[in-house]
């Protein structure tokens, strides 16, 4: 390569960073956030923000002009990747007694899978759990409050079991519904963490899982709630 060509290539390599210097503050913040999401998905939260800055093509200090700390950046990642994908109607869907519970659960998990079966979502979730960041803990608490416990309450009603007012929802009941949740989420783990093949027709698998769950749930729940 000639000296002139090398110089041209060197200048071309710097162009993306030069363009970023001219971004408005809001646009620069978006660039940093989107790059951080993919960076943490690939490297976990041990990934250094200095390396993130190099990937983006900005100075390390530029990150901290938009995010006061690494923890603040991680919090924005949580809001963008997790909270923004949550659908408020899901809790009401689970409680809609005009439809059988099996149909409600199947619809929820079809919609849920469309939102969370994503490389960044799944890998950040796993990395967060391994490194004791509270992203995983907070998100699972939301699932428990808005999906797991309401589903257990609805099962009591559908199977003509004592209401929670008479017998509070037990840990064993919650674990039954966590089992269904985990079964479906594990497909995403297989795909985005282990890199193994998963079913192409996910809706069919979700239908199978909810149908099988509901076929066995009445007898198991009756035993848990009534002891019979």
Protein backbone atom coordinates (compact mmCIF):
# COMPACT_ATOMS: atom_id res chain seq x y z
CA UNK A 1 0.00 0.00 0.00
CA UNK A 2 1.34 3.46 -0.92
CA UNK A 3 1.89 6.15 1.72
CA UNK A 4 -0.95 8.18 0.19
CA UNK A 5 -3.34 5.19 0.21
CA UNK A 6 -2.43 4.38 3.78
CA UNK A 7 -3.16 7.95 4.79
CA UNK A 8 -6.53 7.85 3.06
CA UNK A 9 -7.41 4.56 4.80
CA UNK A 10 -6.38 6.01 8.15
CA UNK A 11 -8.58 9.08 7.66
CA UNK A 12 -11.50 6.88 6.58
CA UNK A 13 -11.19 4.77 9.71
CA UNK A 14 -11.60 7.88 11.83
CA UNK A 15 -14.71 9.16 10.07
CA UNK A 16 -17.30 7.43 12.30
CA UNK A 17 -15.81 9.00 15.42
CA UNK A 18 -15.70 12.39 13.70
CA UNK A 19 -19.37 12.15 12.83
CA UNK A 20 -20.20 11.26 16.41
CA UNK A 21 -18.53 14.45 17.62
CA UNK A 22 -21.21 16.39 15.82
CA UNK A 23 -24.14 14.50 17.34
CA UNK A 24 -26.63 16.29 19.54
CA UNK A 25 -26.48 15.35 23.22
CA UNK A 26 -29.66 13.25 23.05
CA UNK A 27 -28.45 11.39 19.96
CA UNK A 28 -25.04 10.76 21.50
CA UNK A 29 -26.68 9.40 24.63
CA UNK A 30 -28.74 7.04 22.47
CA UNK A 31 -25.62 5.84 20.65
CA UNK A 32 -23.88 5.14 23.97
CA UNK A 33 -26.92 3.32 25.38
CA UNK A 34 -27.42 1.11 22.33
CA UNK A 35 -23.72 0.25 22.20
CA UNK A 36 -23.71 -0.49 25.93
CA UNK A 37 -26.61 -2.91 25.57
CA UNK A 38 -24.77 -4.99 22.98
CA UNK A 39 -21.45 -4.65 24.84
CA UNK A 40 -22.88 -5.92 28.13
CA UNK A 41 -24.76 -8.68 26.30
CA UNK A 42 -21.46 -9.89 24.85
CA UNK A 43 -19.12 -9.34 27.81
CA UNK A 44 -21.30 -9.10 30.89
CA UNK A 45 -21.12 -6.32 33.42
CA UNK A 46 -17.44 -6.95 34.03
CA UNK A 47 -16.85 -5.27 30.68
CA UNK A 48 -15.05 -1.99 31.23
CA UNK A 49 -16.58 1.30 30.12
CA UNK A 50 -13.15 2.25 28.75
CA UNK A 51 -13.46 -0.61 26.27
CA UNK A 52 -17.02 0.44 25.50
CA UNK A 53 -15.78 3.95 24.68
CA UNK A 54 -13.19 2.51 22.28
CA UNK A 55 -15.86 0.46 20.55
CA UNK A 56 -18.05 3.52 20.07
CA UNK A 57 -15.16 5.73 19.01
CA UNK A 58 -15.47 8.33 21.77
CA UNK A 59 -13.41 9.29 24.80
CA UNK A 60 -13.96 7.50 28.09
CA UNK A 61 -14.96 10.75 29.77
CA UNK A 62 -17.68 11.30 27.14
CA UNK A 63 -19.65 8.37 28.55
CA UNK A 64 -19.69 10.00 31.99
CA UNK A 65 -20.95 13.28 30.62
CA UNK A 66 -24.19 11.45 29.83
CA UNK A 67 -24.20 8.78 32.55
CA UNK A 68 -22.72 9.79 35.93
CA UNK A 69 -21.58 6.25 36.73
CA UNK A 70 -21.46 2.73 35.34
CA UNK A 71 -24.34 1.87 37.67
CA UNK A 72 -26.42 4.69 36.16
CA UNK A 73 -25.69 3.33 32.68
CA UNK A 74 -26.74 -0.16 33.78
CA UNK A 75 -29.97 1.28 35.20
CA UNK A 76 -30.76 2.85 31.83
CA UNK A 77 -30.05 -0.48 30.17
CA UNK A 78 -32.60 -2.06 32.53
CA UNK A 79 -35.22 0.55 31.71
CA UNK A 80 -34.62 0.32 27.96
CA UNK A 81 -34.30 -3.45 27.56
CA UNK A 82 -36.69 -4.70 30.25
CA UNK A 83 -39.22 -2.13 31.40
CA UNK A 84 -39.86 -0.74 27.91
CA UNK A 85 -40.81 -4.20 26.62
CA UNK A 86 -43.22 -4.96 29.44
CA UNK A 87 -46.86 -4.71 28.38
CA UNK A 88 -49.26 -3.32 30.98
CA UNK A 89 -52.18 -5.35 29.65
CA UNK A 90 -50.51 -8.66 30.52
CA UNK A 91 -51.64 -8.53 34.13
CA UNK A 92 -55.22 -7.83 33.07
CA UNK A 93 -55.01 -10.63 30.49
CA UNK A 94 -54.19 -13.14 33.23
CA UNK A 95 -57.18 -11.90 35.29
CA UNK A 96 -59.72 -11.95 32.43
CA UNK A 97 -62.22 -14.53 33.62
CA UNK A 98 -64.24 -14.37 30.43
CA UNK A 99 -61.73 -16.86 28.97
CA UNK A 100 -60.34 -20.20 30.20
CA UNK A 101 -57.08 -19.85 32.10
CA UNK A 102 -55.27 -22.10 29.62
CA UNK A 103 -56.10 -19.69 26.78
CA UNK A 104 -54.96 -16.71 28.85
CA UNK A 105 -51.66 -18.32 29.76
CA UNK A 106 -51.00 -19.40 26.17
CA UNK A 107 -51.65 -15.89 24.85
CA UNK A 108 -49.47 -14.32 27.52
CA UNK A 109 -46.52 -16.58 26.77
CA UNK A 110 -46.86 -16.13 23.02
CA UNK A 111 -46.73 -12.36 23.44
CA UNK A 112 -44.05 -12.57 26.12
CA UNK A 113 -41.80 -14.71 23.92
CA UNK A 114 -42.09 -12.19 21.10
CA UNK A 115 -40.75 -9.52 23.46
CA UNK A 116 -38.01 -11.32 25.33
CA UNK A 117 -36.62 -13.94 22.94
CA UNK A 118 -33.80 -11.58 22.03
CA UNK A 119 -30.00 -11.91 22.22
CA UNK A 120 -29.45 -8.76 24.29
CA UNK A 121 -32.40 -9.36 26.63
CA UNK A 122 -31.51 -12.94 27.52
CA UNK A 123 -27.74 -12.56 27.87
CA UNK A 124 -27.89 -9.39 29.97
CA UNK A 125 -30.46 -11.10 32.18
CA UNK A 126 -28.15 -14.08 32.74
CA UNK A 127 -25.03 -11.97 33.29
CA UNK A 128 -26.92 -9.82 35.78
CA UNK A 129 -27.93 -12.86 37.81
CA UNK A 130 -24.40 -14.27 37.88
CA UNK A 131 -22.86 -11.00 39.07
CA UNK A 132 -25.51 -10.14 41.65
CA UNK A 133 -26.72 -7.03 39.86
CA UNK A 134 -30.33 -6.45 40.84
CA UNK A 135 -31.69 -6.36 37.28
CA UNK A 136 -32.60 -10.04 37.46
CA UNK A 137 -33.95 -9.85 41.01
CA UNK A 138 -36.12 -6.81 40.29
CA UNK A 139 -37.48 -8.22 37.06
CA UNK A 140 -38.34 -11.60 38.59
CA UNK A 141 -40.10 -9.82 41.44
CA UNK A 142 -42.25 -8.05 38.86
CA UNK A 143 -43.04 -11.35 37.13
CA UNK A 144 -43.98 -12.85 40.47
CA UNK A 145 -46.27 -9.99 41.45
CA UNK A 146 -47.93 -9.40 38.09
CA UNK A 147 -48.08 -12.89 36.55
CA UNK A 148 -47.24 -15.78 38.88
CA UNK A 149 -49.40 -14.89 41.89
CA UNK A 150 -52.37 -13.66 39.78
CA UNK A 151 -52.23 -16.90 37.76
CA UNK A 152 -52.29 -18.92 40.97
CA UNK A 153 -55.31 -16.92 42.17
CA UNK A 154 -57.09 -17.52 38.86
CA UNK A 155 -56.36 -21.24 39.07
CA UNK A 156 -58.05 -21.36 42.47
CA UNK A 157 -61.16 -19.82 40.90
CA UNK A 158 -61.14 -21.99 37.78
CA UNK A 159 -60.71 -25.23 39.68
CA UNK A 160 -63.23 -24.29 42.36
CA UNK A 161 -60.68 -24.28 45.17
CA UNK A 162 -60.78 -22.17 48.34
CA UNK A 163 -60.12 -18.49 47.71
CA UNK A 164 -56.85 -16.87 48.84
CA UNK A 165 -58.88 -15.11 51.55
CA UNK A 166 -59.54 -18.52 53.11
CA UNK A 167 -56.16 -20.08 52.35
CA UNK A 168 -53.28 -17.80 51.23
CA UNK A 169 -51.41 -18.67 48.03
CA UNK A 170 -48.61 -20.99 49.10
CA UNK A 171 -45.01 -21.25 48.03
CA UNK A 172 -45.74 -24.61 46.40
CA UNK A 173 -48.47 -23.07 44.26
CA UNK A 174 -46.18 -20.29 43.15
CA UNK A 175 -43.51 -22.83 42.28
CA UNK A 176 -45.91 -24.68 39.99
CA UNK A 177 -46.41 -21.55 37.90
CA UNK A 178 -42.70 -20.66 38.04
CA UNK A 179 -42.13 -24.11 36.58
CA UNK A 180 -44.26 -23.29 33.54
CA UNK A 181 -42.55 -19.92 33.20
CA UNK A 182 -39.11 -21.46 33.45
CA UNK A 183 -39.92 -24.15 30.91
CA UNK A 184 -40.69 -21.57 28.26
CA UNK A 185 -37.84 -19.22 29.17
CA UNK A 186 -35.34 -22.08 29.04
CA UNK A 187 -35.88 -22.27 25.28
CA UNK A 188 -34.41 -18.74 25.06
CA UNK A 189 -31.48 -19.80 27.27
CA UNK A 190 -30.77 -22.70 24.94
CA UNK A 191 -30.75 -20.40 21.94
CA UNK A 192 -28.91 -17.30 23.17
CA UNK A 193 -26.64 -18.72 25.87
CA UNK A 194 -25.89 -22.29 24.82
CA UNK A 195 -26.25 -21.70 21.08
CA UNK A 196 -28.21 -24.91 20.53
CA UNK A 197 -31.12 -25.44 18.12
CA UNK A 198 -34.61 -24.53 19.29
CA UNK A 199 -38.05 -25.13 17.77
CA UNK A 200 -38.92 -22.93 14.81
CA UNK A 201 -42.62 -22.94 15.63
CA UNK A 202 -42.46 -21.56 19.14
CA UNK A 203 -46.21 -20.92 19.33
CA UNK A 204 -46.86 -24.66 19.02
CA UNK A 205 -44.42 -25.42 21.83
CA UNK A 206 -46.08 -22.81 24.05
CA UNK A 207 -49.50 -24.32 23.32
CA UNK A 208 -48.16 -27.77 24.23
CA UNK A 209 -46.59 -26.49 27.47
CA UNK A 210 -49.69 -24.68 28.69
CA UNK A 211 -52.01 -27.55 27.72
CA UNK A 212 -49.86 -30.10 29.53
CA UNK A 213 -49.56 -27.82 32.56
CA UNK A 214 -53.30 -27.25 32.82
CA UNK A 215 -54.04 -30.96 32.38
CA UNK A 216 -52.10 -31.80 35.51
CA UNK A 217 -52.65 -28.63 37.53
CA UNK A 218 -56.13 -29.32 38.99
CA UNK A 219 -55.15 -32.53 40.79
CA UNK A 220 -51.82 -31.14 42.02
CA UNK A 221 -53.30 -27.84 43.18
CA UNK A 222 -56.19 -29.57 44.94
CA UNK A 223 -53.69 -31.64 46.87
CA UNK A 224 -51.65 -28.58 47.82
CA UNK A 225 -54.59 -26.41 48.83
CA UNK A 226 -56.87 -28.94 50.51
CA UNK A 227 -54.44 -31.69 51.44
CA UNK A 228 -56.61 -34.25 49.65
